[in-house]
Amino acid sequence: MRENTALTTWREGGQTIGAWLSIGNAYTAETMAGMGFDWLCVDLQHGMLSYDDLKYMLPAISTRESIPLVRVPWNEPYEIMKALDAGAYGVIVPMVNNREEALQAVAACRYPPDGGRSFGPVRAAMYGGRGYASEANSQIACIAMVETAEALDNLDEIATTPGLDAIYIGPSDLAYAIGLNGPGDFENPKHIETVNLIYETCRKHGLAVGMHTGSLAYTNRYLEQGFNFVNLGTDSAFMARTAVSELSQAKQTKEAEREKTGY
């Protein structure tokens, strides 16, 4: 079976850099895959896309070496299984509140006897290759998002869930969970303290830990702290930032020329 290089790196204590795909388009996905990210996550929870988009985006990512992940809409077994059958090499499961919910996510990712995943890797077996059925349980990443007040109360229980590969922090929902204002409150000492608590808990239990960011500055911060996987940004944000920057420069040039020529 094709190796999940991102998961291997996390298990060895290494670090990876990924990006988020929120545009439902195979061409965009293939373009992002060509940039050299260690992994790419198709966002079915908040992205402007559906399963119909996913089934074209995953093959597009497969043209390169980036590991394809999917953030499923919710912790529903059928959502997880369909994403895996389509060729995802891992799922990020939002709003996991306790060990019971973490176990439910793990079970949906594992074939018996380790879990309850139904067998039908329609495209996954083509992408994964020979040995998928026997090796998928050790190569598919199950990642729980910690981003609610209940999850913080049950942090140790979640982090010691058998079969869970990693915890991923959703910083905006986490800010709401601790009584802050959500996006833009990440420099609040209470937010920093909570992120550090999650990080240290994962380290204590030997679990990989990831962080969702939207900028190079935050990505560098969390890589320097030791996070195993960090999201650099989203496809739409990369497009917008480049457009704004270059358009601003072009307008400055146009204005300078107008002042020189009067036209």
Protein backbone atom coordinates (compact mmCIF):
# COMPACT_ATOMS: atom_id res chain seq x y z
CA MET A 1 0.00 0.00 0.00
CA ARG A 2 1.13 3.54 -0.73
CA GLU A 3 2.72 5.03 2.39
CA ASN A 4 1.01 7.85 4.23
CA THR A 5 4.16 9.96 4.44
CA ALA A 6 2.53 12.65 6.56
CA LEU A 7 1.41 10.12 9.17
CA THR A 8 4.84 8.47 9.15
CA THR A 9 6.46 11.84 9.79
CA TRP A 10 4.13 12.56 12.72
CA ARG A 11 4.79 9.16 14.25
CA GLU A 12 8.51 9.85 14.06
CA GLY A 13 8.03 13.20 15.81
CA GLY A 14 8.64 15.24 12.68
CA GLN A 15 6.80 18.21 11.21
CA THR A 16 4.73 18.82 8.09
CA ILE A 17 3.20 21.86 6.41
CA GLY A 18 -0.15 21.68 4.68
CA ALA A 19 -2.87 23.82 3.15
CA TRP A 20 -6.65 23.98 3.09
CA LEU A 21 -8.79 23.57 -0.03
CA SER A 22 -12.09 25.45 0.16
CA ILE A 23 -12.73 25.96 -3.57
CA GLY A 24 -14.61 23.10 -5.18
CA ASN A 25 -12.47 22.73 -8.26
CA ALA A 26 -10.13 19.97 -9.47
CA TYR A 27 -7.86 22.42 -11.31
CA THR A 28 -7.33 24.46 -8.15
CA ALA A 29 -6.64 21.28 -6.17
CA GLU A 30 -4.09 20.07 -8.73
CA THR A 31 -2.41 23.47 -8.77
CA MET A 32 -2.09 23.45 -4.98
CA ALA A 33 -0.76 19.89 -5.08
CA GLY A 34 1.99 21.08 -7.38
CA MET A 35 3.23 23.61 -4.82
CA GLY A 36 4.94 20.98 -2.67
CA PHE A 37 2.77 20.88 0.44
CA ASP A 38 3.18 17.77 2.59
CA TRP A 39 -0.59 17.40 2.77
CA LEU A 40 -3.72 19.09 1.51
CA CYS A 41 -7.07 19.05 3.29
CA VAL A 42 -10.32 19.30 1.36
CA ASP A 43 -12.77 21.13 3.61
CA LEU A 44 -16.23 19.59 3.46
CA GLN A 45 -17.27 21.34 6.68
CA HIS A 46 -16.90 25.00 5.73
CA GLY A 47 -15.55 24.93 2.18
CA MET A 48 -17.62 25.90 -0.85
CA LEU A 49 -17.81 22.34 -2.11
CA SER A 50 -19.55 18.99 -1.80
CA TYR A 51 -18.87 15.28 -2.20
CA ASP A 52 -19.42 15.70 -5.94
CA ASP A 53 -16.45 18.09 -5.95
CA LEU A 54 -14.40 15.83 -3.67
CA LYS A 55 -14.50 12.89 -6.05
CA TYR A 56 -12.72 15.01 -8.68
CA MET A 57 -10.40 16.89 -6.33
CA LEU A 58 -8.83 13.81 -4.72
CA PRO A 59 -7.64 12.35 -8.05
CA ALA A 60 -6.27 15.80 -8.93
CA ILE A 61 -4.24 15.87 -5.70
CA SER A 62 -3.04 12.35 -6.47
CA THR A 63 -1.05 13.61 -9.45
CA ARG A 64 1.57 14.84 -6.97
CA GLU A 65 3.06 13.75 -3.65
CA SER A 66 0.83 15.72 -1.26
CA ILE A 67 -1.14 13.46 1.08
CA PRO A 68 -4.91 13.99 0.65
CA LEU A 69 -6.89 14.66 3.82
CA VAL A 70 -10.55 15.58 4.22
CA ARG A 71 -12.25 17.54 6.96
CA VAL A 72 -15.63 15.86 7.09
CA PRO A 73 -18.77 17.91 7.81
CA TRP A 74 -19.47 16.14 11.10
CA ASN A 75 -18.58 13.09 13.16
CA GLU A 76 -20.88 10.81 11.20
CA PRO A 77 -19.56 7.34 10.26
CA TYR A 78 -21.02 7.42 6.75
CA GLU A 79 -19.38 10.81 6.05
CA ILE A 80 -16.01 9.48 7.20
CA MET A 81 -16.33 6.21 5.28
CA LYS A 82 -17.36 7.91 2.04
CA ALA A 83 -14.38 10.29 2.24
CA LEU A 84 -12.01 7.36 2.83
CA ASP A 85 -13.56 5.27 0.06
CA ALA A 86 -13.00 8.21 -2.31
CA GLY A 87 -9.28 8.11 -1.54
CA ALA A 88 -8.67 10.34 1.46
CA TYR A 89 -5.66 9.18 3.46
CA GLY A 90 -6.99 10.73 6.62
CA VAL A 91 -9.96 12.57 8.04
CA ILE A 92 -10.11 15.59 10.31
CA VAL A 93 -13.24 15.28 12.43
CA PRO A 94 -14.68 18.54 13.84
CA MET A 95 -16.21 19.21 17.23
CA VAL A 96 -15.07 16.05 19.04
CA ASN A 97 -16.18 16.55 22.66
CA ASN A 98 -15.23 13.38 24.55
CA ARG A 99 -13.71 9.93 24.32
CA GLU A 100 -16.96 8.34 23.18
CA GLU A 101 -17.08 10.64 20.17
CA ALA A 102 -13.38 10.13 19.50
CA LEU A 103 -13.90 6.36 19.57
CA GLN A 104 -16.77 6.74 17.11
CA ALA A 105 -14.47 8.57 14.69
CA VAL A 106 -11.73 5.98 15.07
CA ALA A 107 -14.15 3.11 14.51
CA ALA A 108 -15.32 4.65 11.23
CA CYS A 109 -11.72 4.78 10.02
CA ARG A 110 -10.75 1.17 10.82
CA TYR A 111 -11.81 -2.10 9.28
CA PRO A 112 -12.72 -4.93 11.67
CA PRO A 113 -11.53 -6.10 14.09
CA ASP A 114 -10.12 -2.64 14.94
CA GLY A 115 -13.27 -0.75 14.01
CA GLY A 116 -16.48 -0.84 12.06
CA ARG A 117 -15.58 0.64 8.68
CA SER A 118 -17.61 -0.99 5.93
CA PHE A 119 -15.51 -2.49 3.16
CA GLY A 120 -15.88 -0.75 -0.20
CA PRO A 121 -12.74 1.25 -1.05
CA VAL A 122 -14.03 2.07 -4.53
CA ARG A 123 -11.32 4.55 -5.49
CA ALA A 124 -9.20 4.26 -2.36
CA ALA A 125 -7.85 0.86 -3.38
CA MET A 126 -6.72 2.29 -6.73
CA TYR A 127 -4.94 5.19 -5.05
CA GLY A 128 -3.56 3.14 -2.15
CA GLY A 129 -2.53 0.22 -4.31
CA ARG A 130 -1.87 -3.41 -3.51
CA GLY A 131 -2.43 -4.28 0.14
CA TYR A 132 -4.99 -1.57 0.87
CA ALA A 133 -7.42 -3.90 2.62
CA SER A 134 -4.80 -5.33 4.97
CA GLU A 135 -2.78 -2.16 5.61
CA ALA A 136 -5.34 0.67 5.60
CA ASN A 137 -5.87 0.52 9.37
CA SER A 138 -2.23 1.50 9.92
CA GLN A 139 -2.02 4.08 7.12
CA ILE A 140 -5.25 6.06 7.43
CA ALA A 141 -4.97 9.03 9.80
CA CYS A 142 -7.82 9.69 12.23
CA ILE A 143 -7.59 13.24 13.55
CA ALA A 144 -9.93 14.79 16.13
CA MET A 145 -10.48 18.53 16.37
CA VAL A 146 -10.38 19.97 19.89
CA GLU A 147 -12.29 23.25 19.82
CA THR A 148 -15.10 23.14 22.41
CA ALA A 149 -15.41 23.71 26.15
CA GLU A 150 -16.49 20.10 26.65
CA ALA A 151 -13.45 18.85 24.76
CA LEU A 152 -11.17 20.88 27.01
CA ASP A 153 -12.79 19.29 30.06
CA ASN A 154 -12.15 15.84 28.54
CA LEU A 155 -8.77 16.57 26.99
CA ASP A 156 -6.82 13.73 28.60
CA GLU A 157 -9.55 11.22 27.77
CA ILE A 158 -9.59 12.28 24.11
CA ALA A 159 -5.80 12.31 23.84
CA THR A 160 -5.58 8.73 25.12
CA THR A 161 -8.27 7.33 22.81
CA PRO A 162 -6.98 4.06 21.32
CA GLY A 163 -6.40 4.38 17.59
CA LEU A 164 -6.51 8.18 17.47
CA ASP A 165 -3.52 9.51 15.51
CA ALA A 166 -3.63 13.23 16.22
CA ILE A 167 -5.44 16.23 17.63
CA TYR A 168 -5.99 19.32 15.49
CA ILE A 169 -6.77 22.69 17.04
CA GLY A 170 -9.46 24.90 15.53
CA PRO A 171 -8.38 28.28 16.97
CA SER A 172 -11.52 30.30 16.19
CA ASP A 173 -14.02 27.89 17.74
CA LEU A 174 -11.56 27.37 20.57
CA ALA A 175 -11.63 31.12 21.24
CA TYR A 176 -15.43 31.03 21.46
CA ALA A 177 -15.20 28.01 23.78
CA ILE A 178 -13.15 29.95 26.32
CA GLY A 179 -15.27 33.09 26.21
CA LEU A 180 -13.30 35.15 23.71
CA ASN A 181 -14.40 36.80 20.50
CA GLY A 182 -13.35 34.11 18.05
CA PRO A 183 -11.22 35.12 15.05
CA GLY A 184 -8.72 37.81 15.88
CA ASP A 185 -8.37 36.88 19.54
CA PHE A 186 -5.44 34.51 19.11
CA GLU A 187 -2.99 36.83 20.91
CA ASN A 188 -5.13 36.87 24.02
CA PRO A 189 -3.12 35.31 26.88
CA LYS A 190 -6.05 33.01 27.69
CA HIS A 191 -6.05 31.66 24.13
CA ILE A 192 -2.29 31.16 24.13
CA GLU A 193 -2.51 29.38 27.49
CA THR A 194 -5.24 27.05 26.19
CA VAL A 195 -3.32 26.22 23.01
CA ASN A 196 -0.27 25.46 25.13
CA LEU A 197 -2.36 23.19 27.37
CA ILE A 198 -3.57 21.17 24.38
CA TYR A 199 -0.05 20.98 22.98
CA GLU A 200 1.46 19.80 26.26
CA THR A 201 -1.32 17.24 26.79
CA CYS A 202 -0.64 15.74 23.37
CA ARG A 203 3.07 15.67 24.09
CA LYS A 204 2.46 13.96 27.44
CA HIS A 205 0.52 11.19 25.77
CA GLY A 206 2.74 10.83 22.70
CA LEU A 207 0.06 12.07 20.32
CA ALA A 208 0.70 14.19 17.23
CA VAL A 209 -0.75 17.70 17.40
CA GLY A 210 -1.68 20.12 14.64
CA MET A 211 -2.74 23.75 14.37
CA HIS A 212 -4.94 25.62 11.92
CA THR A 213 -3.49 28.98 10.91
CA GLY A 214 -3.94 31.43 8.09
CA SER A 215 -0.61 33.21 7.88
CA LEU A 216 3.12 32.62 7.61
CA ALA A 217 3.72 34.35 10.94
CA TYR A 218 1.42 31.99 12.85
CA THR A 219 2.69 28.99 10.92
CA ASN A 220 6.26 29.82 11.92
CA ARG A 221 5.21 30.36 15.54
CA TYR A 222 3.63 26.94 15.88
CA LEU A 223 6.39 25.16 13.97
CA GLU A 224 8.92 26.74 16.31
CA GLN A 225 6.81 25.60 19.27
CA GLY A 226 7.01 22.04 17.97
CA PHE A 227 3.62 21.32 16.41
CA ASN A 228 3.70 18.27 14.13
CA PHE A 229 1.48 19.69 11.41
CA VAL A 230 0.46 23.24 10.63
CA ASN A 231 -1.85 24.66 8.00
CA LEU A 232 -0.23 27.57 6.16
CA GLY A 233 -3.44 28.89 4.61
CA THR A 234 -6.31 28.28 2.21
CA ASP A 235 -6.45 28.27 -1.58
CA SER A 236 -8.85 31.22 -1.64
CA ALA A 237 -6.75 33.24 0.82
CA PHE A 238 -3.55 32.64 -1.16
CA MET A 239 -5.33 33.84 -4.30
CA ALA A 240 -6.76 36.90 -2.56
CA ARG A 241 -3.48 37.91 -0.90
CA THR A 242 -1.52 37.70 -4.15
CA ALA A 243 -4.19 39.57 -6.07
CA VAL A 244 -4.41 42.36 -3.49
CA SER A 245 -0.64 42.74 -3.26
CA GLU A 246 0.08 42.79 -6.98
CA LEU A 247 -2.97 44.89 -7.84
CA SER A 248 -1.89 47.48 -5.26
CA GLN A 249 1.58 47.65 -6.77
CA ALA A 250 0.19 47.90 -10.30
CA LYS A 251 -2.12 50.75 -9.25
CA GLN A 252 0.83 52.59 -7.70
CA THR A 253 2.71 52.28 -10.98
CA LYS A 254 -0.33 53.51 -12.91
CA GLU A 255 -0.70 56.50 -10.60
CA ALA A 256 3.00 57.36 -10.90
CA GLU A 257 2.73 57.27 -14.68
CA ARG A 258 -0.38 59.45 -14.59
CA GLU A 259 1.45 62.06 -12.53
CA LYS A 260 4.36 62.06 -14.99
CA THR A 261 2.31 62.20 -18.15
CA GLY A 262 -0.90 63.82 -17.04
CA TYR A 263 -2.93 60.93 -18.43
